Amino acid sequence: MTNFLYHNPKCSKSRAAIELLNAQGIKYKVKEYLKTGLTREEVQSLLRKLVLNTPLDGLMRVKEMPGVDFEGLSKDELVALLIAHPFLLERPIFETPVTAVIARPTKVLADFLAI
């Protein structure tokens, strides 16, 4: 099974995550979600694997879309919003076949990998 890094090349934290993964010899595939978009299955997989109380607990960059009442949206509406506007996804996110972590700051990823 494959590990994935949801990556934005313009993000310094995302680039730092790649450096850390490469330095540790971790195998993974890069998912440039701003280019390819997000599928419902990908978002739902992340929601299952991340330890979040709600999708708003760090998964979504709510400040990127001022004026939207994120708190008033259902989980399905939040998933649809991420699919329609992938720039709302926090980055980087490292996903394994079993779990996932929002790797911000990079120390969170290092701790996750138990380095």
PDB file of N, CA and C in Angstrom:
ATOM      1  N   MET A   1       0.839  -1.176   0.000  1.00  0.00           N
ATOM      2  CA  MET A   1       0.000   0.000   0.000  1.00  0.00           C
ATOM      3  C   MET A   1       0.889   1.245   0.000  1.00  0.00           C
ATOM      4  N   THR A   2       0.318   2.360  -0.366  1.00  0.00           N
ATOM      5  CA  THR A   2       1.097   3.565  -0.621  1.00  0.00           C
ATOM      6  C   THR A   2       0.828   4.650   0.413  1.00  0.00           C
ATOM      7  N   ASN A   3       1.885   5.393   0.732  1.00  0.00           N
ATOM      8  CA  ASN A   3       1.770   6.616   1.516  1.00  0.00           C
ATOM      9  C   ASN A   3       1.616   7.773   0.539  1.00  0.00           C
ATOM     10  N   PHE A   4       0.906   8.818   0.968  1.00  0.00           N
ATOM     11  CA  PHE A   4       0.712  10.002   0.136  1.00  0.00           C
ATOM     12  C   PHE A   4       1.046  11.248   0.940  1.00  0.00           C
ATOM     13  N   LEU A   5       1.581  12.235   0.243  1.00  0.00           N
ATOM     14  CA  LEU A   5       1.758  13.560   0.825  1.00  0.00           C
ATOM     15  C   LEU A   5       0.926  14.521   0.002  1.00  0.00           C
ATOM     16  N   TYR A   6      -0.093  15.107   0.638  1.00  0.00           N
ATOM     17  CA  TYR A   6      -0.889  16.145  -0.011  1.00  0.00           C
ATOM     18  C   TYR A   6      -0.046  17.405   0.058  1.00  0.00           C
ATOM     19  N   HIS A   7       0.384  17.874  -1.107  1.00  0.00           N
ATOM     20  CA  HIS A   7       1.471  18.838  -1.203  1.00  0.00           C
ATOM     21  C   HIS A   7       1.094  20.048  -2.037  1.00  0.00           C
ATOM     22  N   ASN A   8       1.516  21.222  -1.540  1.00  0.00           N
ATOM     23  CA  ASN A   8       1.437  22.461  -2.296  1.00  0.00           C
ATOM     24  C   ASN A   8       2.878  22.949  -2.437  1.00  0.00           C
ATOM     25  N   PRO A   9       3.445  22.919  -3.637  1.00  0.00           N
ATOM     26  CA  PRO A   9       4.855  23.287  -3.815  1.00  0.00           C
ATOM     27  C   PRO A   9       5.186  24.715  -3.389  1.00  0.00           C
ATOM     28  N   LYS A  10       4.187  25.590  -3.308  1.00  0.00           N
ATOM     29  CA  LYS A  10       4.435  26.971  -2.894  1.00  0.00           C
ATOM     30  C   LYS A  10       4.505  27.120  -1.371  1.00  0.00           C
ATOM     31  N   CYS A  11       4.163  26.076  -0.651  1.00  0.00           N
ATOM     32  CA  CYS A  11       4.111  26.117   0.814  1.00  0.00           C
ATOM     33  C   CYS A  11       5.437  25.642   1.409  1.00  0.00           C
ATOM     34  N   SER A  12       6.068  26.481   2.227  1.00  0.00           N
ATOM     35  CA  SER A  12       7.361  26.113   2.821  1.00  0.00           C
ATOM     36  C   SER A  12       7.229  24.915   3.753  1.00  0.00           C
ATOM     37  N   LYS A  13       6.126  24.792   4.474  1.00  0.00           N
ATOM     38  CA  LYS A  13       5.923  23.640   5.368  1.00  0.00           C
ATOM     39  C   LYS A  13       5.784  22.356   4.559  1.00  0.00           C
ATOM     40  N   SER A  14       5.151  22.455   3.423  1.00  0.00           N
ATOM     41  CA  SER A  14       4.978  21.298   2.553  1.00  0.00           C
ATOM     42  C   SER A  14       6.325  20.869   1.964  1.00  0.00           C
ATOM     43  N   ARG A  15       7.115  21.825   1.548  1.00  0.00           N
ATOM     44  CA  ARG A  15       8.462  21.511   1.037  1.00  0.00           C
ATOM     45  C   ARG A  15       9.331  20.921   2.135  1.00  0.00           C
ATOM     46  N   ALA A  16       9.191  21.423   3.356  1.00  0.00           N
ATOM     47  CA  ALA A  16       9.951  20.882   4.487  1.00  0.00           C
ATOM     48  C   ALA A  16       9.538  19.440   4.781  1.00  0.00           C
ATOM     49  N   ALA A  17       8.267  19.138   4.616  1.00  0.00           N
ATOM     50  CA  ALA A  17       7.796  17.761   4.821  1.00  0.00           C
ATOM     51  C   ALA A  17       8.448  16.821   3.805  1.00  0.00           C
ATOM     52  N   ILE A  18       8.559  17.259   2.556  1.00  0.00           N
ATOM     53  CA  ILE A  18       9.217  16.444   1.534  1.00  0.00           C
ATOM     54  C   ILE A  18      10.678  16.209   1.907  1.00  0.00           C
ATOM     55  N   GLU A  19      11.356  17.252   2.357  1.00  0.00           N
ATOM     56  CA  GLU A  19      12.757  17.105   2.767  1.00  0.00           C
ATOM     57  C   GLU A  19      12.891  16.094   3.897  1.00  0.00           C
ATOM     58  N   LEU A  20      12.008  16.169   4.885  1.00  0.00           N
ATOM     59  CA  LEU A  20      12.052  15.241   6.014  1.00  0.00           C
ATOM     60  C   LEU A  20      11.786  13.806   5.562  1.00  0.00           C
ATOM     61  N   LEU A  21      10.753  13.604   4.769  1.00  0.00           N
ATOM     62  CA  LEU A  21      10.427  12.262   4.284  1.00  0.00           C
ATOM     63  C   LEU A  21      11.580  11.683   3.472  1.00  0.00           C
ATOM     64  N   ASN A  22      12.161  12.493   2.596  1.00  0.00           N
ATOM     65  CA  ASN A  22      13.285  12.033   1.782  1.00  0.00           C
ATOM     66  C   ASN A  22      14.499  11.713   2.642  1.00  0.00           C
ATOM     67  N   ALA A  23      14.786  12.558   3.624  1.00  0.00           N
ATOM     68  CA  ALA A  23      15.938  12.341   4.500  1.00  0.00           C
ATOM     69  C   ALA A  23      15.789  11.050   5.303  1.00  0.00           C
ATOM     70  N   GLN A  24      14.557  10.686   5.620  1.00  0.00           N
ATOM     71  CA  GLN A  24      14.297   9.471   6.388  1.00  0.00           C
ATOM     72  C   GLN A  24      14.088   8.243   5.505  1.00  0.00           C
ATOM     73  N   GLY A  25      14.121   8.426   4.202  1.00  0.00           N
ATOM     74  CA  GLY A  25      13.944   7.293   3.290  1.00  0.00           C
ATOM     75  C   GLY A  25      12.528   6.746   3.264  1.00  0.00           C
ATOM     76  N   ILE A  26      11.567   7.578   3.616  1.00  0.00           N
ATOM     77  CA  ILE A  26      10.159   7.160   3.613  1.00  0.00           C
ATOM     78  C   ILE A  26       9.648   7.178   2.170  1.00  0.00           C
ATOM     79  N   LYS A  27       9.020   6.107   1.768  1.00  0.00           N
ATOM     80  CA  LYS A  27       8.441   6.035   0.421  1.00  0.00           C
ATOM     81  C   LYS A  27       7.034   6.642   0.456  1.00  0.00           C
ATOM     82  N   TYR A  28       6.745   7.443  -0.555  1.00  0.00           N
ATOM     83  CA  TYR A  28       5.449   8.106  -0.637  1.00  0.00           C
ATOM     84  C   TYR A  28       5.247   8.620  -2.059  1.00  0.00           C
ATOM     85  N   LYS A  29       4.022   8.939  -2.354  1.00  0.00           N
ATOM     86  CA  LYS A  29       3.688   9.598  -3.616  1.00  0.00           C
ATOM     87  C   LYS A  29       3.167  10.982  -3.288  1.00  0.00           C
ATOM     88  N   VAL A  30       3.528  11.940  -4.118  1.00  0.00           N
ATOM     89  CA  VAL A  30       3.071  13.313  -3.937  1.00  0.00           C
ATOM     90  C   VAL A  30       1.721  13.479  -4.615  1.00  0.00           C
ATOM     91  N   LYS A  31       0.805  14.081  -3.894  1.00  0.00           N
ATOM     92  CA  LYS A  31      -0.511  14.425  -4.442  1.00  0.00           C
ATOM     93  C   LYS A  31      -0.578  15.951  -4.491  1.00  0.00           C
ATOM     94  N   GLU A  32      -0.355  16.516  -5.682  1.00  0.00           N
ATOM     95  CA  GLU A  32      -0.476  17.969  -5.853  1.00  0.00           C
ATOM     96  C   GLU A  32      -1.949  18.282  -6.075  1.00  0.00           C
ATOM     97  N   TYR A  33      -2.658  18.346  -4.980  1.00  0.00           N
ATOM     98  CA  TYR A  33      -4.118  18.450  -4.998  1.00  0.00           C
ATOM     99  C   TYR A  33      -4.627  19.747  -5.643  1.00  0.00           C
ATOM    100  N   LEU A  34      -3.783  20.785  -5.699  1.00  0.00           N
ATOM    101  CA  LEU A  34      -4.230  22.014  -6.370  1.00  0.00           C
ATOM    102  C   LEU A  34      -4.265  21.827  -7.884  1.00  0.00           C
ATOM    103  N   LYS A  35      -3.437  20.922  -8.396  1.00  0.00           N
ATOM    104  CA  LYS A  35      -3.435  20.614  -9.831  1.00  0.00           C
ATOM    105  C   LYS A  35      -4.477  19.557 -10.184  1.00  0.00           C
ATOM    106  N   THR A  36      -4.545  18.514  -9.355  1.00  0.00           N
ATOM    107  CA  THR A  36      -5.387  17.372  -9.691  1.00  0.00           C
ATOM    108  C   THR A  36      -6.778  17.438  -9.097  1.00  0.00           C
ATOM    109  N   GLY A  37      -6.954  18.304  -8.079  1.00  0.00           N
ATOM    110  CA  GLY A  37      -8.223  18.347  -7.373  1.00  0.00           C
ATOM    111  C   GLY A  37      -8.306  17.245  -6.336  1.00  0.00           C
ATOM    112  N   LEU A  38      -9.411  17.221  -5.638  1.00  0.00           N
ATOM    113  CA  LEU A  38      -9.672  16.221  -4.605  1.00  0.00           C
ATOM    114  C   LEU A  38     -10.935  15.462  -4.968  1.00  0.00           C
ATOM    115  N   THR A  39     -10.924  14.174  -4.698  1.00  0.00           N
ATOM    116  CA  THR A  39     -12.130  13.371  -4.911  1.00  0.00           C
ATOM    117  C   THR A  39     -12.852  13.212  -3.579  1.00  0.00           C
ATOM    118  N   ARG A  40     -14.106  12.883  -3.662  1.00  0.00           N
ATOM    119  CA  ARG A  40     -14.898  12.614  -2.453  1.00  0.00           C
ATOM    120  C   ARG A  40     -14.246  11.498  -1.643  1.00  0.00           C
ATOM    121  N   GLU A  41     -13.756  10.467  -2.324  1.00  0.00           N
ATOM    122  CA  GLU A  41     -13.134   9.333  -1.637  1.00  0.00           C
ATOM    123  C   GLU A  41     -11.875   9.765  -0.883  1.00  0.00           C
ATOM    124  N   GLU A  42     -11.075  10.649  -1.501  1.00  0.00           N
ATOM    125  CA  GLU A  42      -9.859  11.123  -0.829  1.00  0.00           C
ATOM    126  C   GLU A  42     -10.197  11.920   0.423  1.00  0.00           C
ATOM    127  N   VAL A  43     -11.141  12.826   0.313  1.00  0.00           N
ATOM    128  CA  VAL A  43     -11.512  13.655   1.459  1.00  0.00           C
ATOM    129  C   VAL A  43     -12.103  12.785   2.564  1.00  0.00           C
ATOM    130  N   GLN A  44     -12.956  11.853   2.212  1.00  0.00           N
ATOM    131  CA  GLN A  44     -13.562  10.979   3.213  1.00  0.00           C
ATOM    132  C   GLN A  44     -12.507  10.078   3.866  1.00  0.00           C
ATOM    133  N   SER A  45     -11.534   9.628   3.094  1.00  0.00           N
ATOM    134  CA  SER A  45     -10.437   8.835   3.655  1.00  0.00           C
ATOM    135  C   SER A  45      -9.649   9.658   4.671  1.00  0.00           C
ATOM    136  N   LEU A  46      -9.342  10.904   4.331  1.00  0.00           N
ATOM    137  CA  LEU A  46      -8.626  11.767   5.269  1.00  0.00           C
ATOM    138  C   LEU A  46      -9.443  11.995   6.539  1.00  0.00           C
ATOM    139  N   LEU A  47     -10.727  12.220   6.380  1.00  0.00           N
ATOM    140  CA  LEU A  47     -11.578  12.437   7.552  1.00  0.00           C
ATOM    141  C   LEU A  47     -11.622  11.211   8.461  1.00  0.00           C
ATOM    142  N   ARG A  48     -11.585  10.018   7.880  1.00  0.00           N
ATOM    143  CA  ARG A  48     -11.578   8.791   8.684  1.00  0.00           C
ATOM    144  C   ARG A  48     -10.248   8.621   9.418  1.00  0.00           C
ATOM    145  N   LYS A  49      -9.161   8.988   8.757  1.00  0.00           N
ATOM    146  CA  LYS A  49      -7.827   8.710   9.294  1.00  0.00           C
ATOM    147  C   LYS A  49      -7.282   9.789  10.228  1.00  0.00           C
ATOM    148  N   LEU A  50      -7.694  11.016  10.036  1.00  0.00           N
ATOM    149  CA  LEU A  50      -7.217  12.106  10.894  1.00  0.00           C
ATOM    150  C   LEU A  50      -7.982  12.108  12.208  1.00  0.00           C
ATOM    151  N   VAL A  51      -7.318  12.466  13.268  1.00  0.00           N
ATOM    152  CA  VAL A  51      -7.972  12.568  14.573  1.00  0.00           C
ATOM    153  C   VAL A  51      -8.492  14.002  14.720  1.00  0.00           C
ATOM    154  N   LEU A  52      -9.739  14.198  14.308  1.00  0.00           N
ATOM    155  CA  LEU A  52     -10.367  15.517  14.341  1.00  0.00           C
ATOM    156  C   LEU A  52     -11.738  15.409  14.986  1.00  0.00           C
ATOM    157  N   ASN A  53     -12.110  16.416  15.727  1.00  0.00           N
ATOM    158  CA  ASN A  53     -13.473  16.451  16.259  1.00  0.00           C
ATOM    159  C   ASN A  53     -14.460  16.825  15.159  1.00  0.00           C
ATOM    160  N   THR A  54     -14.034  17.758  14.312  1.00  0.00           N
ATOM    161  CA  THR A  54     -14.841  18.175  13.164  1.00  0.00           C
ATOM    162  C   THR A  54     -13.879  18.455  12.014  1.00  0.00           C
ATOM    163  N   PRO A  55     -14.356  18.492  10.779  1.00  0.00           N
ATOM    164  CA  PRO A  55     -13.475  18.819   9.655  1.00  0.00           C
ATOM    165  C   PRO A  55     -12.815  20.185   9.796  1.00  0.00           C
ATOM    166  N   LEU A  56     -13.377  21.029  10.646  1.00  0.00           N
ATOM    167  CA  LEU A  56     -12.809  22.359  10.812  1.00  0.00           C
ATOM    168  C   LEU A  56     -11.612  22.364  11.768  1.00  0.00           C
ATOM    169  N   ASP A  57     -11.362  21.271  12.455  1.00  0.00           N
ATOM    170  CA  ASP A  57     -10.244  21.189  13.404  1.00  0.00           C
ATOM    171  C   ASP A  57      -8.910  21.044  12.687  1.00  0.00           C
ATOM    172  N   GLY A  58      -8.575  22.016  11.875  1.00  0.00           N
ATOM    173  CA  GLY A  58      -7.273  22.022  11.229  1.00  0.00           C
ATOM    174  C   GLY A  58      -7.242  21.501   9.812  1.00  0.00           C
ATOM    175  N   LEU A  59      -8.275  20.845   9.345  1.00  0.00           N
ATOM    176  CA  LEU A  59      -8.262  20.293   7.991  1.00  0.00           C
ATOM    177  C   LEU A  59      -8.522  21.367   6.936  1.00  0.00           C
ATOM    178  N   MET A  60      -9.306  22.359   7.307  1.00  0.00           N
ATOM    179  CA  MET A  60      -9.695  23.370   6.329  1.00  0.00           C
ATOM    180  C   MET A  60      -9.102  24.731   6.685  1.00  0.00           C
ATOM    181  N   ARG A  61      -8.632  25.414   5.666  1.00  0.00           N
ATOM    182  CA  ARG A  61      -8.068  26.756   5.806  1.00  0.00           C
ATOM    183  C   ARG A  61      -9.205  27.767   5.667  1.00  0.00           C
ATOM    184  N   VAL A  62      -9.981  27.910   6.727  1.00  0.00           N
ATOM    185  CA  VAL A  62     -11.201  28.711   6.668  1.00  0.00           C
ATOM    186  C   VAL A  62     -10.930  30.189   6.398  1.00  0.00           C
ATOM    187  N   LYS A  63      -9.755  30.677   6.744  1.00  0.00           N
ATOM    188  CA  LYS A  63      -9.444  32.089   6.506  1.00  0.00           C
ATOM    189  C   LYS A  63      -9.262  32.390   5.021  1.00  0.00           C
ATOM    190  N   GLU A  64      -9.123  31.336   4.206  1.00  0.00           N
ATOM    191  CA  GLU A  64      -8.950  31.511   2.768  1.00  0.00           C
ATOM    192  C   GLU A  64     -10.254  31.891   2.066  1.00  0.00           C
ATOM    193  N   MET A  65     -11.372  31.752   2.777  1.00  0.00           N
ATOM    194  CA  MET A  65     -12.671  32.031   2.175  1.00  0.00           C
ATOM    195  C   MET A  65     -13.521  32.821   3.166  1.00  0.00           C
ATOM    196  N   PRO A  66     -13.169  34.095   3.355  1.00  0.00           N
ATOM    197  CA  PRO A  66     -13.925  34.901   4.326  1.00  0.00           C
ATOM    198  C   PRO A  66     -15.380  35.068   3.903  1.00  0.00           C
ATOM    199  N   GLY A  67     -16.232  35.189   4.898  1.00  0.00           N
ATOM    200  CA  GLY A  67     -17.648  35.400   4.618  1.00  0.00           C
ATOM    201  C   GLY A  67     -18.450  34.123   4.553  1.00  0.00           C
ATOM    202  N   VAL A  68     -17.788  32.958   4.541  1.00  0.00           N
ATOM    203  CA  VAL A  68     -18.511  31.687   4.511  1.00  0.00           C
ATOM    204  C   VAL A  68     -18.703  31.210   5.948  1.00  0.00           C
ATOM    205  N   ASP A  69     -19.928  30.830   6.294  1.00  0.00           N
ATOM    206  CA  ASP A  69     -20.235  30.314   7.634  1.00  0.00           C
ATOM    207  C   ASP A  69     -19.919  28.819   7.669  1.00  0.00           C
ATOM    208  N   PHE A  70     -18.651  28.499   7.835  1.00  0.00           N
ATOM    209  CA  PHE A  70     -18.226  27.095   7.864  1.00  0.00           C
ATOM    210  C   PHE A  70     -18.900  26.329   8.996  1.00  0.00           C
ATOM    211  N   GLU A  71     -19.067  26.987  10.138  1.00  0.00           N
ATOM    212  CA  GLU A  71     -19.676  26.325  11.307  1.00  0.00           C
ATOM    213  C   GLU A  71     -21.103  25.867  11.016  1.00  0.00           C
ATOM    214  N   GLY A  72     -21.789  26.549  10.113  1.00  0.00           N
ATOM    215  CA  GLY A  72     -23.172  26.218   9.809  1.00  0.00           C
ATOM    216  C   GLY A  72     -23.336  25.129   8.753  1.00  0.00           C
ATOM    217  N   LEU A  73     -22.212  24.632   8.215  1.00  0.00           N
ATOM    218  CA  LEU A  73     -22.284  23.625   7.155  1.00  0.00           C
ATOM    219  C   LEU A  73     -22.231  22.214   7.722  1.00  0.00           C
ATOM    220  N   SER A  74     -22.942  21.300   7.082  1.00  0.00           N
ATOM    221  CA  SER A  74     -22.889  19.892   7.478  1.00  0.00           C
ATOM    222  C   SER A  74     -21.562  19.283   7.015  1.00  0.00           C
ATOM    223  N   LYS A  75     -21.255  18.105   7.513  1.00  0.00           N
ATOM    224  CA  LYS A  75     -20.034  17.405   7.098  1.00  0.00           C
ATOM    225  C   LYS A  75     -20.033  17.186   5.584  1.00  0.00           C
ATOM    226  N   ASP A  76     -21.163  16.779   5.031  1.00  0.00           N
ATOM    227  CA  ASP A  76     -21.247  16.562   3.583  1.00  0.00           C
ATOM    228  C   ASP A  76     -21.022  17.858   2.813  1.00  0.00           C
ATOM    229  N   GLU A  77     -21.538  18.964   3.325  1.00  0.00           N
ATOM    230  CA  GLU A  77     -21.332  20.260   2.674  1.00  0.00           C
ATOM    231  C   GLU A  77     -19.865  20.687   2.750  1.00  0.00           C
ATOM    232  N   LEU A  78     -19.209  20.393   3.879  1.00  0.00           N
ATOM    233  CA  LEU A  78     -17.789  20.715   4.014  1.00  0.00           C
ATOM    234  C   LEU A  78     -16.950  19.885   3.040  1.00  0.00           C
ATOM    235  N   VAL A  79     -17.292  18.612   2.889  1.00  0.00           N
ATOM    236  CA  VAL A  79     -16.597  17.743   1.926  1.00  0.00           C
ATOM    237  C   VAL A  79     -16.784  18.305   0.518  1.00  0.00           C
ATOM    238  N   ALA A  80     -17.993  18.676   0.179  1.00  0.00           N
ATOM    239  CA  ALA A  80     -18.273  19.241  -1.145  1.00  0.00           C
ATOM    240  C   ALA A  80     -17.499  20.536  -1.361  1.00  0.00           C
ATOM    241  N   LEU A  81     -17.372  21.334  -0.326  1.00  0.00           N
ATOM    242  CA  LEU A  81     -16.630  22.593  -0.422  1.00  0.00           C
ATOM    243  C   LEU A  81     -15.146  22.323  -0.687  1.00  0.00           C
ATOM    244  N   LEU A  82     -14.571  21.322  -0.018  1.00  0.00           N
ATOM    245  CA  LEU A  82     -13.167  20.959  -0.258  1.00  0.00           C
ATOM    246  C   LEU A  82     -12.962  20.455  -1.683  1.00  0.00           C
ATOM    247  N   ILE A  83     -13.908  19.712  -2.191  1.00  0.00           N
ATOM    248  CA  ILE A  83     -13.804  19.197  -3.557  1.00  0.00           C
ATOM    249  C   ILE A  83     -13.887  20.355  -4.553  1.00  0.00           C
ATOM    250  N   ALA A  84     -14.794  21.279  -4.305  1.00  0.00           N
ATOM    251  CA  ALA A  84     -14.966  22.418  -5.209  1.00  0.00           C
ATOM    252  C   ALA A  84     -13.826  23.433  -5.093  1.00  0.00           C
ATOM    253  N   HIS A  85     -13.238  23.531  -3.903  1.00  0.00           N
ATOM    254  CA  HIS A  85     -12.193  24.528  -3.631  1.00  0.00           C
ATOM    255  C   HIS A  85     -11.022  23.864  -2.899  1.00  0.00           C
ATOM    256  N   PRO A  86     -10.215  23.089  -3.607  1.00  0.00           N
ATOM    257  CA  PRO A  86      -9.140  22.344  -2.935  1.00  0.00           C
ATOM    258  C   PRO A  86      -8.127  23.226  -2.210  1.00  0.00           C
ATOM    259  N   PHE A  87      -8.054  24.514  -2.533  1.00  0.00           N
ATOM    260  CA  PHE A  87      -7.124  25.401  -1.835  1.00  0.00           C
ATOM    261  C   PHE A  87      -7.487  25.535  -0.352  1.00  0.00           C
ATOM    262  N   LEU A  88      -8.685  25.094   0.028  1.00  0.00           N
ATOM    263  CA  LEU A  88      -9.100  25.135   1.428  1.00  0.00           C
ATOM    264  C   LEU A  88      -8.463  24.031   2.267  1.00  0.00           C
ATOM    265  N   LEU A  89      -7.890  23.026   1.627  1.00  0.00           N
ATOM    266  CA  LEU A  89      -7.268  21.916   2.359  1.00  0.00           C
ATOM    267  C   LEU A  89      -5.981  22.391   3.025  1.00  0.00           C
ATOM    268  N   GLU A  90      -5.854  22.122   4.308  1.00  0.00           N
ATOM    269  CA  GLU A  90      -4.609  22.433   5.004  1.00  0.00           C
ATOM    270  C   GLU A  90      -3.507  21.552   4.439  1.00  0.00           C
ATOM    271  N   ARG A  91      -2.284  22.063   4.509  1.00  0.00           N
ATOM    272  CA  ARG A  91      -1.173  21.292   3.983  1.00  0.00           C
ATOM    273  C   ARG A  91       0.039  21.518   4.851  1.00  0.00           C
ATOM    274  N   PRO A  92       0.933  20.580   4.777  1.00  0.00           N
ATOM    275  CA  PRO A  92       0.861  19.282   4.106  1.00  0.00           C
ATOM    276  C   PRO A  92       0.116  18.263   4.968  1.00  0.00           C
ATOM    277  N   ILE A  93      -0.405  17.255   4.330  1.00  0.00           N
ATOM    278  CA  ILE A  93      -1.012  16.121   5.037  1.00  0.00           C
ATOM    279  C   ILE A  93      -0.294  14.867   4.565  1.00  0.00           C
ATOM    280  N   PHE A  94       0.182  14.088   5.520  1.00  0.00           N
ATOM    281  CA  PHE A  94       0.828  12.815   5.212  1.00  0.00           C
ATOM    282  C   PHE A  94      -0.165  11.711   5.554  1.00  0.00           C
ATOM    283  N   GLU A  95      -0.453  10.871   4.571  1.00  0.00           N
ATOM    284  CA  GLU A  95      -1.440   9.800   4.730  1.00  0.00           C
ATOM    285  C   GLU A  95      -0.789   8.456   4.500  1.00  0.00           C
ATOM    286  N   THR A  96      -0.989   7.555   5.439  1.00  0.00           N
ATOM    287  CA  THR A  96      -0.545   6.169   5.287  1.00  0.00           C
ATOM    288  C   THR A  96      -1.787   5.328   4.995  1.00  0.00           C
ATOM    289  N   PRO A  97      -1.624   4.048   4.727  1.00  0.00           N
ATOM    290  CA  PRO A  97      -2.807   3.213   4.520  1.00  0.00           C
ATOM    291  C   PRO A  97      -3.726   3.132   5.745  1.00  0.00           C
ATOM    292  N   VAL A  98      -3.196   3.458   6.931  1.00  0.00           N
ATOM    293  CA  VAL A  98      -3.962   3.296   8.166  1.00  0.00           C
ATOM    294  C   VAL A  98      -4.359   4.614   8.823  1.00  0.00           C
ATOM    295  N   THR A  99      -3.503   5.611   8.739  1.00  0.00           N
ATOM    296  CA  THR A  99      -3.734   6.855   9.466  1.00  0.00           C
ATOM    297  C   THR A  99      -3.225   8.041   8.660  1.00  0.00           C
ATOM    298  N   ALA A 100      -3.395   9.227   9.197  1.00  0.00           N
ATOM    299  CA  ALA A 100      -2.924  10.441   8.527  1.00  0.00           C
ATOM    300  C   ALA A 100      -2.627  11.492   9.585  1.00  0.00           C
ATOM    301  N   VAL A 101      -1.824  12.474   9.175  1.00  0.00           N
ATOM    302  CA  VAL A 101      -1.483  13.563  10.082  1.00  0.00           C
ATOM    303  C   VAL A 101      -1.349  14.856   9.288  1.00  0.00           C
ATOM    304  N   ILE A 102      -1.863  15.937   9.875  1.00  0.00           N
ATOM    305  CA  ILE A 102      -1.620  17.256   9.302  1.00  0.00           C
ATOM    306  C   ILE A 102      -0.229  17.630   9.766  1.00  0.00           C
ATOM    307  N   ALA A 103       0.701  17.669   8.844  1.00  0.00           N
ATOM    308  CA  ALA A 103       2.135  17.767   9.147  1.00  0.00           C
ATOM    309  C   ALA A 103       2.592  19.213   9.256  1.00  0.00           C
ATOM    310  N   ARG A 104       1.913  19.958  10.066  1.00  0.00           N
ATOM    311  CA  ARG A 104       2.191  21.382  10.246  1.00  0.00           C
ATOM    312  C   ARG A 104       2.201  21.667  11.726  1.00  0.00           C
ATOM    313  N   PRO A 105       3.280  22.059  12.306  1.00  0.00           N
ATOM    314  CA  PRO A 105       4.617  22.250  11.745  1.00  0.00           C
ATOM    315  C   PRO A 105       5.295  20.914  11.461  1.00  0.00           C
ATOM    316  N   THR A 106       6.482  20.977  10.873  1.00  0.00           N
ATOM    317  CA  THR A 106       7.195  19.780  10.450  1.00  0.00           C
ATOM    318  C   THR A 106       7.473  18.842  11.632  1.00  0.00           C
ATOM    319  N   LYS A 107       7.629  19.396  12.826  1.00  0.00           N
ATOM    320  CA  LYS A 107       7.875  18.565  14.009  1.00  0.00           C
ATOM    321  C   LYS A 107       6.733  17.571  14.231  1.00  0.00           C
ATOM    322  N   VAL A 108       5.530  17.961  13.864  1.00  0.00           N
ATOM    323  CA  VAL A 108       4.382  17.056  14.000  1.00  0.00           C
ATOM    324  C   VAL A 108       4.608  15.808  13.135  1.00  0.00           C
ATOM    325  N   LEU A 109       5.118  16.007  11.932  1.00  0.00           N
ATOM    326  CA  LEU A 109       5.419  14.884  11.045  1.00  0.00           C
ATOM    327  C   LEU A 109       6.551  14.041  11.621  1.00  0.00           C
ATOM    328  N   ALA A 110       7.584  14.683  12.134  1.00  0.00           N
ATOM    329  CA  ALA A 110       8.710  13.953  12.740  1.00  0.00           C
ATOM    330  C   ALA A 110       8.219  13.115  13.907  1.00  0.00           C
ATOM    331  N   ASP A 111       7.371  13.677  14.762  1.00  0.00           N
ATOM    332  CA  ASP A 111       6.812  12.929  15.884  1.00  0.00           C
ATOM    333  C   ASP A 111       5.949  11.774  15.389  1.00  0.00           C
ATOM    334  N   PHE A 112       5.150  12.017  14.374  1.00  0.00           N
ATOM    335  CA  PHE A 112       4.289  10.990  13.786  1.00  0.00           C
ATOM    336  C   PHE A 112       5.118   9.810  13.285  1.00  0.00           C
ATOM    337  N   LEU A 113       6.257  10.139  12.649  1.00  0.00           N
ATOM    338  CA  LEU A 113       7.133   9.094  12.133  1.00  0.00           C
ATOM    339  C   LEU A 113       8.023   8.512  13.230  1.00  0.00           C
ATOM    340  N   ALA A 114       7.932   9.091  14.440  1.00  0.00           N
ATOM    341  CA  ALA A 114       8.729   8.661  15.613  1.00  0.00           C
ATOM    342  C   ALA A 114      10.214   8.723  15.312  1.00  0.00           C
ATOM    343  N   ILE A 115      10.637   9.850  14.764  1.00  0.00           N
ATOM    344  CA  ILE A 115      12.042  10.056  14.466  1.00  0.00           C
ATOM    345  C   ILE A 115      12.725  10.596  15.709  1.00  0.00           C
TER     346      ILE A 115
END
